[in-house]
All heavy atoms as atom14 arrays in JSON, in Angstrom:
{
  "sequence": "SALLRPILQDSWLPTAAYVGGPGEIAYFAQLAPLHAHVGLPM",
  "atom14_mask": [
    [1, 1, 1, 1, 1, 1, 0, 0, 0, 0, 0, 0, 0, 0],
    [1, 1, 1, 1, 1, 0, 0, 0, 0, 0, 0, 0, 0, 0],
    [1, 1, 1, 1, 1, 1, 1, 1, 0, 0, 0, 0, 0, 0],
    [1, 1, 1, 1, 1, 1, 1, 1, 0, 0, 0, 0, 0, 0],
    [1, 1, 1, 1, 1, 1, 1, 1, 1, 1, 1, 0, 0, 0],
    [1, 1, 1, 1, 1, 1, 1, 0, 0, 0, 0, 0, 0, 0],
    [1, 1, 1, 1, 1, 1, 1, 1, 0, 0, 0, 0, 0, 0],
    [1, 1, 1, 1, 1, 1, 1, 1, 0, 0, 0, 0, 0, 0],
    [1, 1, 1, 1, 1, 1, 1, 1, 1, 0, 0, 0, 0, 0],
    [1, 1, 1, 1, 1, 1, 1, 1, 0, 0, 0, 0, 0, 0],
    [1, 1, 1, 1, 1, 1, 0, 0, 0, 0, 0, 0, 0, 0],
    [1, 1, 1, 1, 1, 1, 1, 1, 1, 1, 1, 1, 1, 1],
    [1, 1, 1, 1, 1, 1, 1, 1, 0, 0, 0, 0, 0, 0],
    [1, 1, 1, 1, 1, 1, 1, 0, 0, 0, 0, 0, 0, 0],
    [1, 1, 1, 1, 1, 1, 1, 0, 0, 0, 0, 0, 0, 0],
    [1, 1, 1, 1, 1, 0, 0, 0, 0, 0, 0, 0, 0, 0],
    [1, 1, 1, 1, 1, 0, 0, 0, 0, 0, 0, 0, 0, 0],
    [1, 1, 1, 1, 1, 1, 1, 1, 1, 1, 1, 1, 0, 0],
    [1, 1, 1, 1, 1, 1, 1, 0, 0, 0, 0, 0, 0, 0],
    [1, 1, 1, 1, 0, 0, 0, 0, 0, 0, 0, 0, 0, 0],
    [1, 1, 1, 1, 0, 0, 0, 0, 0, 0, 0, 0, 0, 0],
    [1, 1, 1, 1, 1, 1, 1, 0, 0, 0, 0, 0, 0, 0],
    [1, 1, 1, 1, 0, 0, 0, 0, 0, 0, 0, 0, 0, 0],
    [1, 1, 1, 1, 1, 1, 1, 1, 1, 0, 0, 0, 0, 0],
    [1, 1, 1, 1, 1, 1, 1, 1, 0, 0, 0, 0, 0, 0],
    [1, 1, 1, 1, 1, 0, 0, 0, 0, 0, 0, 0, 0, 0],
    [1, 1, 1, 1, 1, 1, 1, 1, 1, 1, 1, 1, 0, 0],
    [1, 1, 1, 1, 1, 1, 1, 1, 1, 1, 1, 0, 0, 0],
    [1, 1, 1, 1, 1, 0, 0, 0, 0, 0, 0, 0, 0, 0],
    [1, 1, 1, 1, 1, 1, 1, 1, 1, 0, 0, 0, 0, 0],
    [1, 1, 1, 1, 1, 1, 1, 1, 0, 0, 0, 0, 0, 0],
    [1, 1, 1, 1, 1, 0, 0, 0, 0, 0, 0, 0, 0, 0],
    [1, 1, 1, 1, 1, 1, 1, 0, 0, 0, 0, 0, 0, 0],
    [1, 1, 1, 1, 1, 1, 1, 1, 0, 0, 0, 0, 0, 0],
    [1, 1, 1, 1, 1, 1, 1, 1, 1, 1, 0, 0, 0, 0],
    [1, 1, 1, 1, 1, 0, 0, 0, 0, 0, 0, 0, 0, 0],
    [1, 1, 1, 1, 1, 1, 1, 1, 1, 1, 0, 0, 0, 0],
    [1, 1, 1, 1, 1, 1, 1, 0, 0, 0, 0, 0, 0, 0],
    [1, 1, 1, 1, 0, 0, 0, 0, 0, 0, 0, 0, 0, 0],
    [1, 1, 1, 1, 1, 1, 1, 1, 0, 0, 0, 0, 0, 0],
    [1, 1, 1, 1, 1, 1, 1, 0, 0, 0, 0, 0, 0, 0],
    [1, 1, 1, 1, 1, 1, 1, 1, 0, 0, 0, 0, 0, 0]
  ],
  "atom14_positions": [
    [[0.39, -15.16, 18.47], [-0.61, -14.25, 19.0], [-1.38, -13.66, 17.82], [-1.1, -13.93, 16.66], [0.04, -13.11, 19.78], [0.83, -12.32, 18.9], [0.0, 0.0, 0.0], [0.0, 0.0, 0.0], [0.0, 0.0, 0.0], [0.0, 0.0, 0.0], [0.0, 0.0, 0.0], [0.0, 0.0, 0.0], [0.0, 0.0, 0.0], [0.0, 0.0, 0.0]],
    [[-2.36, -12.8, 18.11], [-3.18, -12.2, 17.05], [-2.35, -11.37, 16.1], [-2.67, -11.29, 14.89], [-4.28, -11.35, 17.68], [0.0, 0.0, 0.0], [0.0, 0.0, 0.0], [0.0, 0.0, 0.0], [0.0, 0.0, 0.0], [0.0, 0.0, 0.0], [0.0, 0.0, 0.0], [0.0, 0.0, 0.0], [0.0, 0.0, 0.0], [0.0, 0.0, 0.0]],
    [[-1.27, -10.73, 16.58], [-0.44, -9.91, 15.7], [0.6, -10.7, 14.94], [1.02, -10.28, 13.86], [0.21, -8.79, 16.51], [-0.71, -7.72, 17.06], [0.07, -6.65, 17.82], [-1.52, -7.05, 15.95], [0.0, 0.0, 0.0], [0.0, 0.0, 0.0], [0.0, 0.0, 0.0], [0.0, 0.0, 0.0], [0.0, 0.0, 0.0], [0.0, 0.0, 0.0]],
    [[1.04, -11.82, 15.5], [2.05, -12.61, 14.81], [1.44, -13.52, 13.76], [2.09, -13.88, 12.77], [2.86, -13.44, 15.83], [4.17, -14.06, 15.33], [5.13, -12.98, 14.84], [4.82, -14.89, 16.42], [0.0, 0.0, 0.0], [0.0, 0.0, 0.0], [0.0, 0.0, 0.0], [0.0, 0.0, 0.0], [0.0, 0.0, 0.0], [0.0, 0.0, 0.0]],
    [[0.18, -13.93, 13.97], [-0.45, -14.86, 13.02], [-0.46, -14.35, 11.6], [-0.15, -15.08, 10.66], [-1.88, -15.18, 13.48], [-2.55, -16.23, 12.63], [-4.06, -16.08, 12.59], [-4.5, -14.78, 12.13], [-4.46, -14.36, 10.88], [-3.99, -15.14, 9.93], [-4.88, -13.16, 10.56], [0.0, 0.0, 0.0], [0.0, 0.0, 0.0], [0.0, 0.0, 0.0]],
    [[-0.83, -13.05, 11.33], [-0.83, -12.6, 9.95], [0.58, -12.65, 9.32], [0.68, -12.84, 8.1], [-1.33, -11.16, 10.05], [-2.11, -11.12, 11.31], [-1.39, -12.03, 12.24], [0.0, 0.0, 0.0], [0.0, 0.0, 0.0], [0.0, 0.0, 0.0], [0.0, 0.0, 0.0], [0.0, 0.0, 0.0], [0.0, 0.0, 0.0], [0.0, 0.0, 0.0]],
    [[1.61, -12.44, 10.11], [2.97, -12.49, 9.58], [3.31, -13.93, 9.18], [3.91, -14.17, 8.14], [3.98, -11.94, 10.6], [3.57, -10.53, 11.04], [5.37, -11.94, 10.01], [3.49, -9.52, 9.91], [0.0, 0.0, 0.0], [0.0, 0.0, 0.0], [0.0, 0.0, 0.0], [0.0, 0.0, 0.0], [0.0, 0.0, 0.0], [0.0, 0.0, 0.0]],
    [[2.92, -14.88, 10.03], [3.13, -16.29, 9.69], [2.35, -16.63, 8.42], [2.89, -17.29, 7.5], [2.67, -17.18, 10.85], [2.92, -18.68, 10.67], [4.4, -18.99, 10.53], [2.31, -19.45, 11.83], [0.0, 0.0, 0.0], [0.0, 0.0, 0.0], [0.0, 0.0, 0.0], [0.0, 0.0, 0.0], [0.0, 0.0, 0.0], [0.0, 0.0, 0.0]],
    [[1.13, -16.18, 8.34], [0.29, -16.42, 7.15], [1.0, -15.91, 5.89], [1.11, -16.62, 4.89], [-1.03, -15.69, 7.35], [-1.83, -15.44, 6.07], [-2.88, -14.38, 6.27], [-3.81, -14.58, 7.05], [-2.73, -13.23, 5.62], [0.0, 0.0, 0.0], [0.0, 0.0, 0.0], [0.0, 0.0, 0.0], [0.0, 0.0, 0.0], [0.0, 0.0, 0.0]],
    [[1.51, -14.67, 5.93], [2.09, -14.07, 4.73], [3.48, -14.58, 4.43], [3.99, -14.4, 3.31], [2.08, -12.56, 4.87], [0.67, -11.98, 4.98], [-0.27, -12.68, 4.54], [0.51, -10.87, 5.51], [0.0, 0.0, 0.0], [0.0, 0.0, 0.0], [0.0, 0.0, 0.0], [0.0, 0.0, 0.0], [0.0, 0.0, 0.0], [0.0, 0.0, 0.0]],
    [[4.13, -15.19, 5.42], [5.44, -15.83, 5.15], [5.26, -17.19, 4.52], [6.14, -17.69, 3.82], [6.26, -15.93, 6.43], [5.67, -16.83, 7.35], [0.0, 0.0, 0.0], [0.0, 0.0, 0.0], [0.0, 0.0, 0.0], [0.0, 0.0, 0.0], [0.0, 0.0, 0.0], [0.0, 0.0, 0.0], [0.0, 0.0, 0.0], [0.0, 0.0, 0.0]],
    [[4.13, -17.85, 4.76], [3.84, -19.17, 4.19], [3.14, -19.1, 2.85], [3.35, -19.95, 1.98], [2.94, -19.97, 5.14], [3.66, -20.61, 6.29], [5.01, -20.68, 6.51], [3.05, -21.27, 7.4], [5.27, -21.32, 7.69], [4.08, -21.7, 8.24], [1.73, -21.51, 7.76], [3.83, -22.4, 9.44], [1.47, -22.2, 8.94], [2.51, -22.64, 9.76]],
    [[2.24, -18.13, 2.68], [1.31, -18.12, 1.54], [1.54, -16.9, 0.65], [1.95, -15.83, 1.13], [-0.13, -18.08, 2.04], [-0.59, -19.24, 2.94], [-1.99, -18.95, 3.49], [-0.57, -20.55, 2.19], [0.0, 0.0, 0.0], [0.0, 0.0, 0.0], [0.0, 0.0, 0.0], [0.0, 0.0, 0.0], [0.0, 0.0, 0.0], [0.0, 0.0, 0.0]],
    [[1.27, -17.04, -0.63], [1.31, -15.88, -1.54], [0.01, -15.06, -1.42], [-0.85, -15.05, -2.29], [1.44, -16.52, -2.93], [0.77, -17.85, -2.78], [1.01, -18.29, -1.38], [0.0, 0.0, 0.0], [0.0, 0.0, 0.0], [0.0, 0.0, 0.0], [0.0, 0.0, 0.0], [0.0, 0.0, 0.0], [0.0, 0.0, 0.0], [0.0, 0.0, 0.0]],
    [[-0.1, -14.35, -0.29], [-1.37, -13.7, 0.08], [-1.54, -12.4, -0.68], [-0.81, -11.44, -0.46], [-1.38, -13.39, 1.59], [-0.95, -14.53, 2.32], [-2.78, -13.02, 2.04], [0.0, 0.0, 0.0], [0.0, 0.0, 0.0], [0.0, 0.0, 0.0], [0.0, 0.0, 0.0], [0.0, 0.0, 0.0], [0.0, 0.0, 0.0], [0.0, 0.0, 0.0]],
    [[-2.55, -12.38, -1.56], [-2.9, -11.14, -2.24], [-3.83, -10.31, -1.37], [-3.79, -9.07, -1.39], [-3.54, -11.43, -3.58], [0.0, 0.0, 0.0], [0.0, 0.0, 0.0], [0.0, 0.0, 0.0], [0.0, 0.0, 0.0], [0.0, 0.0, 0.0], [0.0, 0.0, 0.0], [0.0, 0.0, 0.0], [0.0, 0.0, 0.0], [0.0, 0.0, 0.0]],
    [[-4.73, -10.98, -0.63], [-5.71, -10.25, 0.18], [-6.09, -11.07, 1.4], [-6.07, -12.3, 1.35], [-6.96, -9.93, -0.65], [0.0, 0.0, 0.0], [0.0, 0.0, 0.0], [0.0, 0.0, 0.0], [0.0, 0.0, 0.0], [0.0, 0.0, 0.0], [0.0, 0.0, 0.0], [0.0, 0.0, 0.0], [0.0, 0.0, 0.0], [0.0, 0.0, 0.0]],
    [[-6.43, -10.37, 2.46], [-7.0, -11.0, 3.65], [-8.39, -10.42, 3.89], [-8.57, -9.19, 3.91], [-6.13, -10.78, 4.9], [-6.71, -11.49, 6.1], [-6.46, -12.82, 6.3], [-7.56, -10.82, 6.99], [-7.03, -13.51, 7.37], [-8.13, -11.49, 8.06], [-7.86, -12.84, 8.25], [-8.43, -13.51, 9.3], [0.0, 0.0, 0.0], [0.0, 0.0, 0.0]],
    [[-9.36, -11.28, 4.09], [-10.73, -10.87, 4.37], [-10.96, -10.92, 5.87], [-10.81, -11.97, 6.48], [-11.75, -11.77, 3.64], [-13.17, -11.47, 4.1], [-11.62, -11.61, 2.13], [0.0, 0.0, 0.0], [0.0, 0.0, 0.0], [0.0, 0.0, 0.0], [0.0, 0.0, 0.0], [0.0, 0.0, 0.0], [0.0, 0.0, 0.0], [0.0, 0.0, 0.0]],
    [[-11.3, -9.78, 6.45], [-11.45, -9.72, 7.9], [-12.67, -8.95, 8.34], [-13.27, -8.19, 7.57], [0.0, 0.0, 0.0], [0.0, 0.0, 0.0], [0.0, 0.0, 0.0], [0.0, 0.0, 0.0], [0.0, 0.0, 0.0], [0.0, 0.0, 0.0], [0.0, 0.0, 0.0], [0.0, 0.0, 0.0], [0.0, 0.0, 0.0], [0.0, 0.0, 0.0]],
    [[-13.03, -9.13, 9.61], [-14.12, -8.41, 10.21], [-13.61, -7.14, 10.89], [-12.43, -6.8, 10.8], [0.0, 0.0, 0.0], [0.0, 0.0, 0.0], [0.0, 0.0, 0.0], [0.0, 0.0, 0.0], [0.0, 0.0, 0.0], [0.0, 0.0, 0.0], [0.0, 0.0, 0.0], [0.0, 0.0, 0.0], [0.0, 0.0, 0.0], [0.0, 0.0, 0.0]],
    [[-14.5, -6.43, 11.6], [-14.11, -5.15, 12.19], [-12.93, -5.21, 13.12], [-12.04, -4.36, 13.09], [-15.39, -4.73, 12.93], [-16.5, -5.4, 12.19], [-15.94, -6.7, 11.74], [0.0, 0.0, 0.0], [0.0, 0.0, 0.0], [0.0, 0.0, 0.0], [0.0, 0.0, 0.0], [0.0, 0.0, 0.0], [0.0, 0.0, 0.0], [0.0, 0.0, 0.0]],
    [[-12.88, -6.25, 14.0], [-11.76, -6.37, 14.92], [-10.44, -6.6, 14.2], [-9.4, -6.03, 14.56], [0.0, 0.0, 0.0], [0.0, 0.0, 0.0], [0.0, 0.0, 0.0], [0.0, 0.0, 0.0], [0.0, 0.0, 0.0], [0.0, 0.0, 0.0], [0.0, 0.0, 0.0], [0.0, 0.0, 0.0], [0.0, 0.0, 0.0], [0.0, 0.0, 0.0]],
    [[-10.47, -7.46, 13.21], [-9.25, -7.75, 12.46], [-8.77, -6.52, 11.67], [-7.56, -6.26, 11.6], [-9.49, -8.91, 11.5], [-9.72, -10.23, 12.22], [-10.35, -11.27, 11.32], [-11.45, -11.03, 10.79], [-9.74, -12.33, 11.15], [0.0, 0.0, 0.0], [0.0, 0.0, 0.0], [0.0, 0.0, 0.0], [0.0, 0.0, 0.0], [0.0, 0.0, 0.0]],
    [[-9.69, -5.78, 11.09], [-9.32, -4.55, 10.39], [-8.58, -3.62, 11.35], [-7.56, -3.02, 11.0], [-10.56, -3.88, 9.81], [-11.09, -4.7, 8.62], [-10.26, -2.44, 9.37], [-12.46, -4.26, 8.13], [0.0, 0.0, 0.0], [0.0, 0.0, 0.0], [0.0, 0.0, 0.0], [0.0, 0.0, 0.0], [0.0, 0.0, 0.0], [0.0, 0.0, 0.0]],
    [[-9.07, -3.55, 12.58], [-8.44, -2.67, 13.56], [-7.04, -3.13, 13.91], [-6.12, -2.32, 14.06], [-9.31, -2.58, 14.82], [0.0, 0.0, 0.0], [0.0, 0.0, 0.0], [0.0, 0.0, 0.0], [0.0, 0.0, 0.0], [0.0, 0.0, 0.0], [0.0, 0.0, 0.0], [0.0, 0.0, 0.0], [0.0, 0.0, 0.0], [0.0, 0.0, 0.0]],
    [[-6.81, -4.45, 14.04], [-5.44, -4.82, 14.39], [-4.51, -4.81, 13.18], [-3.3, -4.69, 13.35], [-5.36, -6.1, 15.22], [-5.65, -7.43, 14.61], [-4.88, -7.98, 13.59], [-6.68, -8.22, 15.13], [-5.14, -9.24, 13.07], [-6.95, -9.47, 14.61], [-6.18, -9.99, 13.6], [-6.43, -11.24, 13.1], [0.0, 0.0, 0.0], [0.0, 0.0, 0.0]],
    [[-5.04, -4.87, 11.98], [-4.17, -4.66, 10.82], [-3.68, -3.25, 10.75], [-2.62, -2.97, 10.16], [-4.89, -5.07, 9.51], [-4.67, -6.51, 9.13], [-5.67, -7.44, 9.37], [-3.48, -6.92, 8.58], [-5.47, -8.79, 9.03], [-3.28, -8.26, 8.24], [-4.26, -9.19, 8.47], [0.0, 0.0, 0.0], [0.0, 0.0, 0.0], [0.0, 0.0, 0.0]],
    [[-4.42, -2.31, 11.35], [-3.94, -0.93, 11.43], [-2.65, -0.84, 12.25], [-1.88, 0.11, 12.09], [-5.01, -0.05, 12.03], [0.0, 0.0, 0.0], [0.0, 0.0, 0.0], [0.0, 0.0, 0.0], [0.0, 0.0, 0.0], [0.0, 0.0, 0.0], [0.0, 0.0, 0.0], [0.0, 0.0, 0.0], [0.0, 0.0, 0.0], [0.0, 0.0, 0.0]],
    [[-2.43, -1.81, 13.13], [-1.22, -1.81, 13.95], [-0.05, -2.5, 13.25], [1.09, -2.39, 13.71], [-1.49, -2.56, 15.28], [-2.53, -1.93, 16.17], [-2.75, -2.74, 17.44], [-3.83, -3.25, 17.68], [-1.71, -2.89, 18.26], [0.0, 0.0, 0.0], [0.0, 0.0, 0.0], [0.0, 0.0, 0.0], [0.0, 0.0, 0.0], [0.0, 0.0, 0.0]],
    [[-0.32, -3.22, 12.17], [0.66, -4.21, 11.69], [1.69, -3.71, 10.68], [2.66, -4.42, 10.42], [-0.08, -5.41, 11.08], [-0.52, -6.48, 12.08], [-1.34, -7.55, 11.39], [0.7, -7.12, 12.74], [0.0, 0.0, 0.0], [0.0, 0.0, 0.0], [0.0, 0.0, 0.0], [0.0, 0.0, 0.0], [0.0, 0.0, 0.0], [0.0, 0.0, 0.0]],
    [[1.49, -2.54, 10.09], [2.42, -2.09, 9.06], [3.89, -2.12, 9.52], [4.76, -2.58, 8.8], [2.03, -0.71, 8.55], [0.0, 0.0, 0.0], [0.0, 0.0, 0.0], [0.0, 0.0, 0.0], [0.0, 0.0, 0.0], [0.0, 0.0, 0.0], [0.0, 0.0, 0.0], [0.0, 0.0, 0.0], [0.0, 0.0, 0.0], [0.0, 0.0, 0.0]],
    [[4.19, -1.64, 10.77], [5.6, -1.7, 11.2], [6.13, -3.13, 11.29], [7.34, -3.34, 11.06], [5.56, -1.04, 12.59], [4.33, -0.21, 12.59], [3.33, -0.97, 11.75], [0.0, 0.0, 0.0], [0.0, 0.0, 0.0], [0.0, 0.0, 0.0], [0.0, 0.0, 0.0], [0.0, 0.0, 0.0], [0.0, 0.0, 0.0], [0.0, 0.0, 0.0]],
    [[5.28, -4.09, 11.63], [5.75, -5.48, 11.74], [5.98, -6.09, 10.37], [6.97, -6.8, 10.17], [4.72, -6.29, 12.54], [5.12, -7.72, 12.92], [6.49, -7.77, 13.58], [4.07, -8.33, 13.83], [0.0, 0.0, 0.0], [0.0, 0.0, 0.0], [0.0, 0.0, 0.0], [0.0, 0.0, 0.0], [0.0, 0.0, 0.0], [0.0, 0.0, 0.0]],
    [[5.07, -5.84, 9.42], [5.33, -6.31, 8.07], [6.64, -5.72, 7.52], [7.44, -6.42, 6.91], [4.16, -5.92, 7.15], [3.04, -6.91, 7.14], [2.02, -6.88, 8.07], [2.76, -7.95, 6.32], [1.16, -7.86, 7.81], [1.6, -8.54, 6.76], [0.0, 0.0, 0.0], [0.0, 0.0, 0.0], [0.0, 0.0, 0.0], [0.0, 0.0, 0.0]],
    [[6.85, -4.43, 7.77], [8.07, -3.78, 7.3], [9.31, -4.39, 7.97], [10.34, -4.6, 7.34], [8.01, -2.29, 7.53], [0.0, 0.0, 0.0], [0.0, 0.0, 0.0], [0.0, 0.0, 0.0], [0.0, 0.0, 0.0], [0.0, 0.0, 0.0], [0.0, 0.0, 0.0], [0.0, 0.0, 0.0], [0.0, 0.0, 0.0], [0.0, 0.0, 0.0]],
    [[9.21, -4.68, 9.26], [10.33, -5.21, 10.02], [10.79, -6.57, 9.45], [12.0, -6.83, 9.39], [9.94, -5.35, 11.49], [11.07, -5.82, 12.36], [11.98, -4.96, 12.93], [11.43, -7.07, 12.76], [12.85, -5.65, 13.63], [12.54, -6.94, 13.55], [0.0, 0.0, 0.0], [0.0, 0.0, 0.0], [0.0, 0.0, 0.0], [0.0, 0.0, 0.0]],
    [[9.84, -7.4, 9.08], [10.21, -8.74, 8.57], [10.34, -8.76, 7.05], [10.64, -9.81, 6.47], [9.19, -9.8, 9.03], [9.16, -9.87, 10.55], [7.8, -9.54, 8.47], [0.0, 0.0, 0.0], [0.0, 0.0, 0.0], [0.0, 0.0, 0.0], [0.0, 0.0, 0.0], [0.0, 0.0, 0.0], [0.0, 0.0, 0.0], [0.0, 0.0, 0.0]],
    [[10.13, -7.62, 6.39], [10.35, -7.55, 4.96], [9.25, -8.18, 4.12], [9.53, -8.69, 3.02], [0.0, 0.0, 0.0], [0.0, 0.0, 0.0], [0.0, 0.0, 0.0], [0.0, 0.0, 0.0], [0.0, 0.0, 0.0], [0.0, 0.0, 0.0], [0.0, 0.0, 0.0], [0.0, 0.0, 0.0], [0.0, 0.0, 0.0], [0.0, 0.0, 0.0]],
    [[7.99, -8.15, 4.59], [6.87, -8.7, 3.84], [5.91, -7.6, 3.45], [5.62, -6.7, 4.25], [6.11, -9.73, 4.68], [6.72, -11.11, 4.88], [5.92, -11.89, 5.92], [6.76, -11.88, 3.56], [0.0, 0.0, 0.0], [0.0, 0.0, 0.0], [0.0, 0.0, 0.0], [0.0, 0.0, 0.0], [0.0, 0.0, 0.0], [0.0, 0.0, 0.0]],
    [[5.39, -7.63, 2.22], [4.36, -6.64, 1.86], [3.04, -6.98, 2.54], [2.7, -8.15, 2.69], [4.23, -6.81, 0.33], [4.65, -8.23, 0.08], [5.7, -8.56, 1.1], [0.0, 0.0, 0.0], [0.0, 0.0, 0.0], [0.0, 0.0, 0.0], [0.0, 0.0, 0.0], [0.0, 0.0, 0.0], [0.0, 0.0, 0.0], [0.0, 0.0, 0.0]],
    [[2.35, -5.95, 2.98], [1.04, -6.2, 3.56], [0.04, -6.46, 2.44], [-0.01, -5.73, 1.46], [0.57, -5.02, 4.41], [-0.77, -5.28, 5.11], [-1.32, -3.93, 6.15], [-0.26, -4.14, 7.57], [0.0, 0.0, 0.0], [0.0, 0.0, 0.0], [0.0, 0.0, 0.0], [0.0, 0.0, 0.0], [0.0, 0.0, 0.0], [0.0, 0.0, 0.0]]
  ]
}
């Protein structure tokens, strides 16, 4: 889903930054607890 995709991205890739539009910025505001849950830095 839209919220799980960034976690998959950051588990596969050495992601320093993600470039997003307004909608993506808004859902990244929701994602800090999920990154913390799986032990990945945002």
